Amino acid sequence: MGTRADLITLRGVTAVGHHGVLDFERREGQPFVVDAVLHSDFSRAAATDDIATTASYAEVAERITQLVSGEPVNLIETLAVRIADTILAEFPPISGAEVTVHKPKAPIEVPFGDVSVTVFRGR
């Protein structure tokens, strides 16, 4: 079969979450932005032209927003791993997931453009 480099890319999936180590972050919440690069093999999907043979990016995006707005964690590293692991567990056509979680309103005392973490998990 050979190595495939077929990718589904979602950028800017945004939801409000209550993640962070500070009390006000847990209480008030803030926006989190997620990018996901999903590795797959599109051979079957391309041959059949059937969405059932691939991962629906709409369903993946919905699942990401559920996780961001769901149970709070202290670290965005934890959130990123949770998202990647969930994608692999719930979407069998995906063989690898690179997930970046951005925290644009992070409580940083100096001017900054963005803060993010990126993880990769694969089968």
PDB file of N, CA and C in Angstrom:
ATOM      1  N   MET A   1       0.815  -1.191   0.000  1.00  0.00           N
ATOM      2  CA  MET A   1       0.000   0.000   0.000  1.00  0.00           C
ATOM      3  C   MET A   1       0.862   1.261   0.000  1.00  0.00           C
ATOM      4  N   GLY A   2       1.995   1.277   0.685  1.00  0.00           N
ATOM      5  CA  GLY A   2       2.867   2.436   0.667  1.00  0.00           C
ATOM      6  C   GLY A   2       2.452   3.499   1.667  1.00  0.00           C
ATOM      7  N   THR A   3       3.298   4.500   1.785  1.00  0.00           N
ATOM      8  CA  THR A   3       3.052   5.587   2.730  1.00  0.00           C
ATOM      9  C   THR A   3       2.145   6.627   2.096  1.00  0.00           C
ATOM     10  N   ARG A   4       1.168   7.072   2.850  1.00  0.00           N
ATOM     11  CA  ARG A   4       0.253   8.110   2.371  1.00  0.00           C
ATOM     12  C   ARG A   4       0.488   9.391   3.159  1.00  0.00           C
ATOM     13  N   ALA A   5       0.267  10.505   2.508  1.00  0.00           N
ATOM     14  CA  ALA A   5       0.368  11.797   3.168  1.00  0.00           C
ATOM     15  C   ALA A   5      -0.911  12.585   2.920  1.00  0.00           C
ATOM     16  N   ASP A   6      -2.047  11.928   3.075  1.00  0.00           N
ATOM     17  CA  ASP A   6      -3.332  12.580   2.869  1.00  0.00           C
ATOM     18  C   ASP A   6      -3.727  13.268   4.172  1.00  0.00           C
ATOM     19  N   LEU A   7      -4.153  14.511   4.066  1.00  0.00           N
ATOM     20  CA  LEU A   7      -4.407  15.314   5.255  1.00  0.00           C
ATOM     21  C   LEU A   7      -5.763  16.005   5.184  1.00  0.00           C
ATOM     22  N   ILE A   8      -6.437  16.040   6.319  1.00  0.00           N
ATOM     23  CA  ILE A   8      -7.597  16.904   6.527  1.00  0.00           C
ATOM     24  C   ILE A   8      -7.117  17.971   7.496  1.00  0.00           C
ATOM     25  N   THR A   9      -7.301  19.234   7.150  1.00  0.00           N
ATOM     26  CA  THR A   9      -6.820  20.320   8.001  1.00  0.00           C
ATOM     27  C   THR A   9      -7.985  21.198   8.433  1.00  0.00           C
ATOM     28  N   LEU A  10      -8.113  21.359   9.728  1.00  0.00           N
ATOM     29  CA  LEU A  10      -9.091  22.277  10.319  1.00  0.00           C
ATOM     30  C   LEU A  10      -8.314  23.383  11.016  1.00  0.00           C
ATOM     31  N   ARG A  11      -8.627  24.615  10.715  1.00  0.00           N
ATOM     32  CA  ARG A  11      -7.931  25.739  11.346  1.00  0.00           C
ATOM     33  C   ARG A  11      -8.953  26.670  11.989  1.00  0.00           C
ATOM     34  N   GLY A  12      -8.642  27.100  13.185  1.00  0.00           N
ATOM     35  CA  GLY A  12      -9.447  28.130  13.822  1.00  0.00           C
ATOM     36  C   GLY A  12     -10.747  27.659  14.433  1.00  0.00           C
ATOM     37  N   VAL A  13     -10.830  26.386  14.822  1.00  0.00           N
ATOM     38  CA  VAL A  13     -12.034  25.893  15.497  1.00  0.00           C
ATOM     39  C   VAL A  13     -12.051  26.540  16.882  1.00  0.00           C
ATOM     40  N   THR A  14     -13.082  27.331  17.165  1.00  0.00           N
ATOM     41  CA  THR A  14     -13.089  28.179  18.360  1.00  0.00           C
ATOM     42  C   THR A  14     -14.263  27.857  19.269  1.00  0.00           C
ATOM     43  N   ALA A  15     -13.968  27.813  20.558  1.00  0.00           N
ATOM     44  CA  ALA A  15     -15.008  27.606  21.565  1.00  0.00           C
ATOM     45  C   ALA A  15     -14.525  28.234  22.870  1.00  0.00           C
ATOM     46  N   VAL A  16     -15.470  28.541  23.734  1.00  0.00           N
ATOM     47  CA  VAL A  16     -15.137  29.063  25.054  1.00  0.00           C
ATOM     48  C   VAL A  16     -14.941  27.892  26.003  1.00  0.00           C
ATOM     49  N   GLY A  17     -13.835  27.925  26.728  1.00  0.00           N
ATOM     50  CA  GLY A  17     -13.543  26.907  27.725  1.00  0.00           C
ATOM     51  C   GLY A  17     -13.176  27.547  29.043  1.00  0.00           C
ATOM     52  N   HIS A  18     -13.100  26.736  30.071  1.00  0.00           N
ATOM     53  CA  HIS A  18     -12.784  27.216  31.424  1.00  0.00           C
ATOM     54  C   HIS A  18     -11.481  26.592  31.912  1.00  0.00           C
ATOM     55  N   HIS A  19     -10.501  26.511  31.025  1.00  0.00           N
ATOM     56  CA  HIS A  19      -9.233  25.872  31.331  1.00  0.00           C
ATOM     57  C   HIS A  19      -8.250  26.897  31.876  1.00  0.00           C
ATOM     58  N   GLY A  20      -7.400  26.448  32.784  1.00  0.00           N
ATOM     59  CA  GLY A  20      -6.357  27.311  33.325  1.00  0.00           C
ATOM     60  C   GLY A  20      -6.139  27.022  34.796  1.00  0.00           C
ATOM     61  N   VAL A  21      -5.047  27.544  35.313  1.00  0.00           N
ATOM     62  CA  VAL A  21      -4.716  27.313  36.715  1.00  0.00           C
ATOM     63  C   VAL A  21      -5.219  28.431  37.627  1.00  0.00           C
ATOM     64  N   LEU A  22      -5.618  29.544  37.057  1.00  0.00           N
ATOM     65  CA  LEU A  22      -6.077  30.677  37.865  1.00  0.00           C
ATOM     66  C   LEU A  22      -7.588  30.627  38.058  1.00  0.00           C
ATOM     67  N   ASP A  23      -8.025  31.046  39.237  1.00  0.00           N
ATOM     68  CA  ASP A  23      -9.454  30.987  39.581  1.00  0.00           C
ATOM     69  C   ASP A  23     -10.335  31.697  38.553  1.00  0.00           C
ATOM     70  N   PHE A  24      -9.939  32.907  38.139  1.00  0.00           N
ATOM     71  CA  PHE A  24     -10.796  33.657  37.221  1.00  0.00           C
ATOM     72  C   PHE A  24     -10.900  32.962  35.861  1.00  0.00           C
ATOM     73  N   GLU A  25      -9.879  32.210  35.453  1.00  0.00           N
ATOM     74  CA  GLU A  25      -9.954  31.486  34.183  1.00  0.00           C
ATOM     75  C   GLU A  25     -11.021  30.394  34.262  1.00  0.00           C
ATOM     76  N   ARG A  26     -11.067  29.725  35.386  1.00  0.00           N
ATOM     77  CA  ARG A  26     -12.063  28.669  35.593  1.00  0.00           C
ATOM     78  C   ARG A  26     -13.465  29.268  35.699  1.00  0.00           C
ATOM     79  N   ARG A  27     -13.559  30.398  36.352  1.00  0.00           N
ATOM     80  CA  ARG A  27     -14.858  31.015  36.611  1.00  0.00           C
ATOM     81  C   ARG A  27     -15.431  31.699  35.365  1.00  0.00           C
ATOM     82  N   GLU A  28     -14.613  32.508  34.710  1.00  0.00           N
ATOM     83  CA  GLU A  28     -15.117  33.349  33.613  1.00  0.00           C
ATOM     84  C   GLU A  28     -15.017  32.685  32.244  1.00  0.00           C
ATOM     85  N   GLY A  29     -14.055  31.812  32.062  1.00  0.00           N
ATOM     86  CA  GLY A  29     -13.853  31.206  30.757  1.00  0.00           C
ATOM     87  C   GLY A  29     -13.191  32.163  29.786  1.00  0.00           C
ATOM     88  N   GLN A  30     -12.770  31.625  28.662  1.00  0.00           N
ATOM     89  CA  GLN A  30     -12.116  32.421  27.633  1.00  0.00           C
ATOM     90  C   GLN A  30     -12.094  31.610  26.337  1.00  0.00           C
ATOM     91  N   PRO A  31     -11.844  32.280  25.208  1.00  0.00           N
ATOM     92  CA  PRO A  31     -11.818  31.542  23.942  1.00  0.00           C
ATOM     93  C   PRO A  31     -10.536  30.722  23.804  1.00  0.00           C
ATOM     94  N   PHE A  32     -10.697  29.550  23.225  1.00  0.00           N
ATOM     95  CA  PHE A  32      -9.581  28.706  22.827  1.00  0.00           C
ATOM     96  C   PHE A  32      -9.764  28.411  21.347  1.00  0.00           C
ATOM     97  N   VAL A  33      -8.669  28.374  20.624  1.00  0.00           N
ATOM     98  CA  VAL A  33      -8.705  28.145  19.185  1.00  0.00           C
ATOM     99  C   VAL A  33      -7.879  26.895  18.897  1.00  0.00           C
ATOM    100  N   VAL A  34      -8.446  25.980  18.122  1.00  0.00           N
ATOM    101  CA  VAL A  34      -7.787  24.712  17.847  1.00  0.00           C
ATOM    102  C   VAL A  34      -7.574  24.542  16.346  1.00  0.00           C
ATOM    103  N   ASP A  35      -6.358  24.127  16.004  1.00  0.00           N
ATOM    104  CA  ASP A  35      -6.029  23.703  14.647  1.00  0.00           C
ATOM    105  C   ASP A  35      -5.763  22.205  14.714  1.00  0.00           C
ATOM    106  N   ALA A  36      -6.246  21.473  13.741  1.00  0.00           N
ATOM    107  CA  ALA A  36      -6.013  20.026  13.711  1.00  0.00           C
ATOM    108  C   ALA A  36      -5.635  19.609  12.300  1.00  0.00           C
ATOM    109  N   VAL A  37      -4.534  18.883  12.206  1.00  0.00           N
ATOM    110  CA  VAL A  37      -4.100  18.289  10.949  1.00  0.00           C
ATOM    111  C   VAL A  37      -4.237  16.789  11.134  1.00  0.00           C
ATOM    112  N   LEU A  38      -5.137  16.201  10.366  1.00  0.00           N
ATOM    113  CA  LEU A  38      -5.513  14.800  10.542  1.00  0.00           C
ATOM    114  C   LEU A  38      -4.951  13.968   9.394  1.00  0.00           C
ATOM    115  N   HIS A  39      -4.175  12.948   9.735  1.00  0.00           N
ATOM    116  CA  HIS A  39      -3.548  12.077   8.748  1.00  0.00           C
ATOM    117  C   HIS A  39      -4.478  10.903   8.451  1.00  0.00           C
ATOM    118  N   SER A  40      -4.589  10.593   7.173  1.00  0.00           N
ATOM    119  CA  SER A  40      -5.468   9.511   6.765  1.00  0.00           C
ATOM    120  C   SER A  40      -4.961   8.940   5.450  1.00  0.00           C
ATOM    121  N   ASP A  41      -5.701   8.029   4.899  1.00  0.00           N
ATOM    122  CA  ASP A  41      -5.445   7.483   3.569  1.00  0.00           C
ATOM    123  C   ASP A  41      -6.760   7.641   2.803  1.00  0.00           C
ATOM    124  N   PHE A  42      -6.742   8.509   1.822  1.00  0.00           N
ATOM    125  CA  PHE A  42      -7.970   8.820   1.085  1.00  0.00           C
ATOM    126  C   PHE A  42      -8.266   7.839  -0.041  1.00  0.00           C
ATOM    127  N   SER A  43      -7.488   6.787  -0.205  1.00  0.00           N
ATOM    128  CA  SER A  43      -7.663   5.878  -1.342  1.00  0.00           C
ATOM    129  C   SER A  43      -9.090   5.350  -1.433  1.00  0.00           C
ATOM    130  N   ARG A  44      -9.596   4.817  -0.336  1.00  0.00           N
ATOM    131  CA  ARG A  44     -10.946   4.232  -0.355  1.00  0.00           C
ATOM    132  C   ARG A  44     -12.010   5.318  -0.572  1.00  0.00           C
ATOM    133  N   ALA A  45     -11.852   6.440   0.120  1.00  0.00           N
ATOM    134  CA  ALA A  45     -12.822   7.529  -0.039  1.00  0.00           C
ATOM    135  C   ALA A  45     -12.837   8.036  -1.485  1.00  0.00           C
ATOM    136  N   ALA A  46     -11.667   8.177  -2.070  1.00  0.00           N
ATOM    137  CA  ALA A  46     -11.597   8.656  -3.452  1.00  0.00           C
ATOM    138  C   ALA A  46     -12.192   7.641  -4.425  1.00  0.00           C
ATOM    139  N   ALA A  47     -11.972   6.363  -4.163  1.00  0.00           N
ATOM    140  CA  ALA A  47     -12.486   5.317  -5.055  1.00  0.00           C
ATOM    141  C   ALA A  47     -14.005   5.179  -4.959  1.00  0.00           C
ATOM    142  N   THR A  48     -14.558   5.368  -3.755  1.00  0.00           N
ATOM    143  CA  THR A  48     -15.995   5.165  -3.565  1.00  0.00           C
ATOM    144  C   THR A  48     -16.792   6.466  -3.594  1.00  0.00           C
ATOM    145  N   ASP A  49     -16.110   7.595  -3.365  1.00  0.00           N
ATOM    146  CA  ASP A  49     -16.770   8.899  -3.276  1.00  0.00           C
ATOM    147  C   ASP A  49     -17.866   8.881  -2.210  1.00  0.00           C
ATOM    148  N   ASP A  50     -17.585   8.193  -1.104  1.00  0.00           N
ATOM    149  CA  ASP A  50     -18.562   7.976  -0.041  1.00  0.00           C
ATOM    150  C   ASP A  50     -18.017   8.514   1.269  1.00  0.00           C
ATOM    151  N   ILE A  51     -18.733   9.446   1.878  1.00  0.00           N
ATOM    152  CA  ILE A  51     -18.283  10.063   3.127  1.00  0.00           C
ATOM    153  C   ILE A  51     -18.120   9.042   4.260  1.00  0.00           C
ATOM    154  N   ALA A  52     -18.826   7.925   4.170  1.00  0.00           N
ATOM    155  CA  ALA A  52     -18.717   6.900   5.210  1.00  0.00           C
ATOM    156  C   ALA A  52     -17.328   6.262   5.251  1.00  0.00           C
ATOM    157  N   THR A  53     -16.527   6.479   4.222  1.00  0.00           N
ATOM    158  CA  THR A  53     -15.197   5.874   4.162  1.00  0.00           C
ATOM    159  C   THR A  53     -14.090   6.827   4.608  1.00  0.00           C
ATOM    160  N   THR A  54     -14.472   7.986   5.111  1.00  0.00           N
ATOM    161  CA  THR A  54     -13.499   8.965   5.591  1.00  0.00           C
ATOM    162  C   THR A  54     -14.018   9.560   6.894  1.00  0.00           C
ATOM    163  N   ALA A  55     -13.257  10.453   7.473  1.00  0.00           N
ATOM    164  CA  ALA A  55     -13.700  11.150   8.678  1.00  0.00           C
ATOM    165  C   ALA A  55     -14.368  12.451   8.266  1.00  0.00           C
ATOM    166  N   SER A  56     -15.568  12.693   8.752  1.00  0.00           N
ATOM    167  CA  SER A  56     -16.279  13.937   8.464  1.00  0.00           C
ATOM    168  C   SER A  56     -15.621  15.077   9.231  1.00  0.00           C
ATOM    169  N   TYR A  57     -15.092  16.039   8.508  1.00  0.00           N
ATOM    170  CA  TYR A  57     -14.450  17.158   9.198  1.00  0.00           C
ATOM    171  C   TYR A  57     -15.445  17.965  10.011  1.00  0.00           C
ATOM    172  N   ALA A  58     -16.713  17.965   9.609  1.00  0.00           N
ATOM    173  CA  ALA A  58     -17.736  18.656  10.398  1.00  0.00           C
ATOM    174  C   ALA A  58     -17.926  17.969  11.751  1.00  0.00           C
ATOM    175  N   GLU A  59     -17.935  16.637  11.753  1.00  0.00           N
ATOM    176  CA  GLU A  59     -18.068  15.901  13.018  1.00  0.00           C
ATOM    177  C   GLU A  59     -16.833  16.058  13.893  1.00  0.00           C
ATOM    178  N   VAL A  60     -15.658  16.080  13.275  1.00  0.00           N
ATOM    179  CA  VAL A  60     -14.426  16.288  14.047  1.00  0.00           C
ATOM    180  C   VAL A  60     -14.442  17.679  14.678  1.00  0.00           C
ATOM    181  N   ALA A  61     -14.836  18.692  13.919  1.00  0.00           N
ATOM    182  CA  ALA A  61     -14.887  20.056  14.450  1.00  0.00           C
ATOM    183  C   ALA A  61     -15.872  20.152  15.612  1.00  0.00           C
ATOM    184  N   GLU A  62     -17.013  19.510  15.475  1.00  0.00           N
ATOM    185  CA  GLU A  62     -18.009  19.514  16.557  1.00  0.00           C
ATOM    186  C   GLU A  62     -17.441  18.846  17.798  1.00  0.00           C
ATOM    187  N   ARG A  63     -16.741  17.745  17.620  1.00  0.00           N
ATOM    188  CA  ARG A  63     -16.165  17.033  18.775  1.00  0.00           C
ATOM    189  C   ARG A  63     -15.098  17.878  19.456  1.00  0.00           C
ATOM    190  N   ILE A  64     -14.300  18.591  18.673  1.00  0.00           N
ATOM    191  CA  ILE A  64     -13.292  19.489  19.248  1.00  0.00           C
ATOM    192  C   ILE A  64     -13.959  20.555  20.105  1.00  0.00           C
ATOM    193  N   THR A  65     -15.029  21.169  19.604  1.00  0.00           N
ATOM    194  CA  THR A  65     -15.695  22.219  20.388  1.00  0.00           C
ATOM    195  C   THR A  65     -16.309  21.647  21.658  1.00  0.00           C
ATOM    196  N   GLN A  66     -16.817  20.423  21.599  1.00  0.00           N
ATOM    197  CA  GLN A  66     -17.345  19.786  22.814  1.00  0.00           C
ATOM    198  C   GLN A  66     -16.248  19.608  23.858  1.00  0.00           C
ATOM    199  N   LEU A  67     -15.069  19.193  23.422  1.00  0.00           N
ATOM    200  CA  LEU A  67     -13.965  18.984  24.352  1.00  0.00           C
ATOM    201  C   LEU A  67     -13.458  20.306  24.927  1.00  0.00           C
ATOM    202  N   VAL A  68     -13.378  21.336  24.091  1.00  0.00           N
ATOM    203  CA  VAL A  68     -12.918  22.644  24.581  1.00  0.00           C
ATOM    204  C   VAL A  68     -13.900  23.209  25.598  1.00  0.00           C
ATOM    205  N   SER A  69     -15.184  23.085  25.326  1.00  0.00           N
ATOM    206  CA  SER A  69     -16.191  23.654  26.229  1.00  0.00           C
ATOM    207  C   SER A  69     -16.561  22.700  27.365  1.00  0.00           C
ATOM    208  N   GLY A  70     -15.973  21.525  27.382  1.00  0.00           N
ATOM    209  CA  GLY A  70     -16.292  20.505  28.388  1.00  0.00           C
ATOM    210  C   GLY A  70     -15.473  20.627  29.651  1.00  0.00           C
ATOM    211  N   GLU A  71     -15.156  19.486  30.234  1.00  0.00           N
ATOM    212  CA  GLU A  71     -14.489  19.425  31.536  1.00  0.00           C
ATOM    213  C   GLU A  71     -13.190  20.233  31.549  1.00  0.00           C
ATOM    214  N   PRO A  72     -13.067  21.174  32.491  1.00  0.00           N
ATOM    215  CA  PRO A  72     -11.865  22.015  32.550  1.00  0.00           C
ATOM    216  C   PRO A  72     -10.619  21.236  32.962  1.00  0.00           C
ATOM    217  N   VAL A  73      -9.485  21.672  32.444  1.00  0.00           N
ATOM    218  CA  VAL A  73      -8.174  21.171  32.837  1.00  0.00           C
ATOM    219  C   VAL A  73      -7.295  22.374  33.173  1.00  0.00           C
ATOM    220  N   ASN A  74      -6.209  22.117  33.860  1.00  0.00           N
ATOM    221  CA  ASN A  74      -5.298  23.210  34.209  1.00  0.00           C
ATOM    222  C   ASN A  74      -4.470  23.664  33.007  1.00  0.00           C
ATOM    223  N   LEU A  75      -3.992  22.713  32.226  1.00  0.00           N
ATOM    224  CA  LEU A  75      -3.009  23.005  31.188  1.00  0.00           C
ATOM    225  C   LEU A  75      -3.569  22.810  29.781  1.00  0.00           C
ATOM    226  N   ILE A  76      -3.173  23.706  28.864  1.00  0.00           N
ATOM    227  CA  ILE A  76      -3.586  23.504  27.478  1.00  0.00           C
ATOM    228  C   ILE A  76      -2.862  22.298  26.875  1.00  0.00           C
ATOM    229  N   GLU A  77      -1.736  21.894  27.463  1.00  0.00           N
ATOM    230  CA  GLU A  77      -1.085  20.667  27.025  1.00  0.00           C
ATOM    231  C   GLU A  77      -2.013  19.471  27.239  1.00  0.00           C
ATOM    232  N   THR A  78      -2.671  19.451  28.399  1.00  0.00           N
ATOM    233  CA  THR A  78      -3.623  18.375  28.705  1.00  0.00           C
ATOM    234  C   THR A  78      -4.783  18.395  27.719  1.00  0.00           C
ATOM    235  N   LEU A  79      -5.296  19.573  27.430  1.00  0.00           N
ATOM    236  CA  LEU A  79      -6.406  19.705  26.482  1.00  0.00           C
ATOM    237  C   LEU A  79      -5.999  19.227  25.089  1.00  0.00           C
ATOM    238  N   ALA A  80      -4.811  19.594  24.644  1.00  0.00           N
ATOM    239  CA  ALA A  80      -4.347  19.195  23.313  1.00  0.00           C
ATOM    240  C   ALA A  80      -4.240  17.675  23.207  1.00  0.00           C
ATOM    241  N   VAL A  81      -3.681  17.029  24.236  1.00  0.00           N
ATOM    242  CA  VAL A  81      -3.570  15.565  24.224  1.00  0.00           C
ATOM    243  C   VAL A  81      -4.949  14.927  24.260  1.00  0.00           C
ATOM    244  N   ARG A  82      -5.847  15.480  25.066  1.00  0.00           N
ATOM    245  CA  ARG A  82      -7.219  14.948  25.150  1.00  0.00           C
ATOM    246  C   ARG A  82      -7.895  15.007  23.785  1.00  0.00           C
ATOM    247  N   ILE A  83      -7.733  16.115  23.075  1.00  0.00           N
ATOM    248  CA  ILE A  83      -8.347  16.257  21.748  1.00  0.00           C
ATOM    249  C   ILE A  83      -7.743  15.256  20.767  1.00  0.00           C
ATOM    250  N   ALA A  84      -6.428  15.152  20.724  1.00  0.00           N
ATOM    251  CA  ALA A  84      -5.777  14.232  19.789  1.00  0.00           C
ATOM    252  C   ALA A  84      -6.174  12.786  20.075  1.00  0.00           C
ATOM    253  N   ASP A  85      -6.148  12.394  21.343  1.00  0.00           N
ATOM    254  CA  ASP A  85      -6.513  11.024  21.705  1.00  0.00           C
ATOM    255  C   ASP A  85      -7.964  10.711  21.357  1.00  0.00           C
ATOM    256  N   THR A  86      -8.854  11.676  21.573  1.00  0.00           N
ATOM    257  CA  THR A  86     -10.273  11.477  21.266  1.00  0.00           C
ATOM    258  C   THR A  86     -10.486  11.322  19.760  1.00  0.00           C
ATOM    259  N   ILE A  87      -9.817  12.144  18.973  1.00  0.00           N
ATOM    260  CA  ILE A  87      -9.946  12.041  17.521  1.00  0.00           C
ATOM    261  C   ILE A  87      -9.521  10.652  17.052  1.00  0.00           C
ATOM    262  N   LEU A  88      -8.393  10.166  17.555  1.00  0.00           N
ATOM    263  CA  LEU A  88      -7.928   8.835  17.149  1.00  0.00           C
ATOM    264  C   LEU A  88      -8.889   7.735  17.603  1.00  0.00           C
ATOM    265  N   ALA A  89      -9.454   7.891  18.795  1.00  0.00           N
ATOM    266  CA  ALA A  89     -10.353   6.862  19.330  1.00  0.00           C
ATOM    267  C   ALA A  89     -11.699   6.843  18.615  1.00  0.00           C
ATOM    268  N   GLU A  90     -12.195   7.999  18.229  1.00  0.00           N
ATOM    269  CA  GLU A  90     -13.566   8.089  17.717  1.00  0.00           C
ATOM    270  C   GLU A  90     -13.679   8.163  16.201  1.00  0.00           C
ATOM    271  N   PHE A  91     -12.578   8.375  15.514  1.00  0.00           N
ATOM    272  CA  PHE A  91     -12.614   8.502  14.049  1.00  0.00           C
ATOM    273  C   PHE A  91     -11.589   7.545  13.450  1.00  0.00           C
ATOM    274  N   PRO A  92     -11.987   6.276  13.255  1.00  0.00           N
ATOM    275  CA  PRO A  92     -11.043   5.241  12.805  1.00  0.00           C
ATOM    276  C   PRO A  92     -10.280   5.552  11.521  1.00  0.00           C
ATOM    277  N   PRO A  93     -10.824   6.291  10.554  1.00  0.00           N
ATOM    278  CA  PRO A  93     -10.022   6.560   9.355  1.00  0.00           C
ATOM    279  C   PRO A  93      -8.788   7.436   9.628  1.00  0.00           C
ATOM    280  N   ILE A  94      -8.750   8.093  10.781  1.00  0.00           N
ATOM    281  CA  ILE A  94      -7.632   8.981  11.101  1.00  0.00           C
ATOM    282  C   ILE A  94      -6.511   8.157  11.731  1.00  0.00           C
ATOM    283  N   SER A  95      -5.323   8.230  11.147  1.00  0.00           N
ATOM    284  CA  SER A  95      -4.177   7.468  11.651  1.00  0.00           C
ATOM    285  C   SER A  95      -3.223   8.323  12.476  1.00  0.00           C
ATOM    286  N   GLY A  96      -3.356   9.624  12.384  1.00  0.00           N
ATOM    287  CA  GLY A  96      -2.515  10.534  13.154  1.00  0.00           C
ATOM    288  C   GLY A  96      -3.201  11.871  13.291  1.00  0.00           C
ATOM    289  N   ALA A  97      -2.950  12.540  14.410  1.00  0.00           N
ATOM    290  CA  ALA A  97      -3.572  13.847  14.648  1.00  0.00           C
ATOM    291  C   ALA A  97      -2.544  14.796  15.239  1.00  0.00           C
ATOM    292  N   GLU A  98      -2.308  15.884  14.535  1.00  0.00           N
ATOM    293  CA  GLU A  98      -1.499  16.981  15.066  1.00  0.00           C
ATOM    294  C   GLU A  98      -2.472  18.059  15.518  1.00  0.00           C
ATOM    295  N   VAL A  99      -2.458  18.362  16.808  1.00  0.00           N
ATOM    296  CA  VAL A  99      -3.430  19.291  17.374  1.00  0.00           C
ATOM    297  C   VAL A  99      -2.683  20.453  18.020  1.00  0.00           C
ATOM    298  N   THR A 100      -3.070  21.663  17.637  1.00  0.00           N
ATOM    299  CA  THR A 100      -2.528  22.871  18.252  1.00  0.00           C
ATOM    300  C   THR A 100      -3.658  23.578  18.975  1.00  0.00           C
ATOM    301  N   VAL A 101      -3.439  23.873  20.260  1.00  0.00           N
ATOM    302  CA  VAL A 101      -4.401  24.634  21.047  1.00  0.00           C
ATOM    303  C   VAL A 101      -3.802  26.009  21.305  1.00  0.00           C
ATOM    304  N   HIS A 102      -4.530  27.035  20.864  1.00  0.00           N
ATOM    305  CA  HIS A 102      -4.135  28.427  21.073  1.00  0.00           C
ATOM    306  C   HIS A 102      -4.943  28.993  22.235  1.00  0.00           C
ATOM    307  N   LYS A 103      -4.285  29.798  23.046  1.00  0.00           N
ATOM    308  CA  LYS A 103      -4.943  30.474  24.168  1.00  0.00           C
ATOM    309  C   LYS A 103      -4.675  31.973  24.003  1.00  0.00           C
ATOM    310  N   PRO A 104      -5.452  32.630  23.120  1.00  0.00           N
ATOM    311  CA  PRO A 104      -5.144  34.016  22.758  1.00  0.00           C
ATOM    312  C   PRO A 104      -5.354  35.038  23.876  1.00  0.00           C
ATOM    313  N   LYS A 105      -6.108  34.678  24.905  1.00  0.00           N
ATOM    314  CA  LYS A 105      -6.347  35.603  26.024  1.00  0.00           C
ATOM    315  C   LYS A 105      -5.620  35.137  27.285  1.00  0.00           C
ATOM    316  N   ALA A 106      -4.527  34.399  27.110  1.00  0.00           N
ATOM    317  CA  ALA A 106      -3.771  33.888  28.257  1.00  0.00           C
ATOM    318  C   ALA A 106      -3.354  35.035  29.173  1.00  0.00           C
ATOM    319  N   PRO A 107      -3.325  34.777  30.478  1.00  0.00           N
ATOM    320  CA  PRO A 107      -2.950  35.825  31.432  1.00  0.00           C
ATOM    321  C   PRO A 107      -1.434  36.048  31.446  1.00  0.00           C
ATOM    322  N   ILE A 108      -0.961  36.722  30.412  1.00  0.00           N
ATOM    323  CA  ILE A 108       0.462  37.064  30.282  1.00  0.00           C
ATOM    324  C   ILE A 108       0.571  38.571  30.435  1.00  0.00           C
ATOM    325  N   GLU A 109       1.505  39.012  31.244  1.00  0.00           N
ATOM    326  CA  GLU A 109       1.598  40.430  31.611  1.00  0.00           C
ATOM    327  C   GLU A 109       2.328  41.299  30.601  1.00  0.00           C
ATOM    328  N   VAL A 110       2.815  40.743  29.524  1.00  0.00           N
ATOM    329  CA  VAL A 110       3.492  41.532  28.498  1.00  0.00           C
ATOM    330  C   VAL A 110       2.722  41.388  27.195  1.00  0.00           C
ATOM    331  N   PRO A 111       2.867  42.341  26.270  1.00  0.00           N
ATOM    332  CA  PRO A 111       2.177  42.205  24.984  1.00  0.00           C
ATOM    333  C   PRO A 111       2.600  40.919  24.271  1.00  0.00           C
ATOM    334  N   PHE A 112       1.629  40.203  23.701  1.00  0.00           N
ATOM    335  CA  PHE A 112       1.935  38.986  22.947  1.00  0.00           C
ATOM    336  C   PHE A 112       0.866  38.772  21.892  1.00  0.00           C
ATOM    337  N   GLY A 113       1.227  38.048  20.843  1.00  0.00           N
ATOM    338  CA  GLY A 113       0.294  37.781  19.755  1.00  0.00           C
ATOM    339  C   GLY A 113      -0.485  36.493  19.946  1.00  0.00           C
ATOM    340  N   ASP A 114       0.167  35.460  20.481  1.00  0.00           N
ATOM    341  CA  ASP A 114      -0.485  34.167  20.627  1.00  0.00           C
ATOM    342  C   ASP A 114       0.376  33.304  21.535  1.00  0.00           C
ATOM    343  N   VAL A 115      -0.253  32.359  22.170  1.00  0.00           N
ATOM    344  CA  VAL A 115       0.457  31.297  22.869  1.00  0.00           C
ATOM    345  C   VAL A 115      -0.249  30.005  22.506  1.00  0.00           C
ATOM    346  N   SER A 116       0.532  28.977  22.196  1.00  0.00           N
ATOM    347  CA  SER A 116      -0.090  27.706  21.789  1.00  0.00           C
ATOM    348  C   SER A 116       0.835  26.559  22.132  1.00  0.00           C
ATOM    349  N   VAL A 117       0.233  25.374  22.155  1.00  0.00           N
ATOM    350  CA  VAL A 117       0.981  24.125  22.283  1.00  0.00           C
ATOM    351  C   VAL A 117       0.542  23.209  21.155  1.00  0.00           C
ATOM    352  N   THR A 118       1.430  22.352  20.708  1.00  0.00           N
ATOM    353  CA  THR A 118       1.122  21.411  19.637  1.00  0.00           C
ATOM    354  C   THR A 118       1.547  20.020  20.066  1.00  0.00           C
ATOM    355  N   VAL A 119       0.673  19.052  19.821  1.00  0.00           N
ATOM    356  CA  VAL A 119       0.984  17.645  20.070  1.00  0.00           C
ATOM    357  C   VAL A 119       0.708  16.844  18.808  1.00  0.00           C
ATOM    358  N   PHE A 120       1.390  15.718  18.696  1.00  0.00           N
ATOM    359  CA  PHE A 120       1.089  14.770  17.634  1.00  0.00           C
ATOM    360  C   PHE A 120       0.897  13.421  18.270  1.00  0.00           C
ATOM    361  N   ARG A 121      -0.189  12.762  17.882  1.00  0.00           N
ATOM    362  CA  ARG A 121      -0.444  11.398  18.323  1.00  0.00           C
ATOM    363  C   ARG A 121      -0.801  10.578  17.093  1.00  0.00           C
ATOM    364  N   GLY A 122      -0.289   9.362  17.044  1.00  0.00           N
ATOM    365  CA  GLY A 122      -0.582   8.482  15.916  1.00  0.00           C
ATOM    366  C   GLY A 122      -0.845   7.065  16.386  1.00  0.00           C
ATOM    367  N   ARG A 123      -1.390   6.298  15.485  1.00  0.00           N
ATOM    368  CA  ARG A 123      -1.651   4.890  15.796  1.00  0.00           C
ATOM    369  C   ARG A 123      -0.362   4.097  15.702  1.00  0.00           C
TER     370      ARG A 123
END
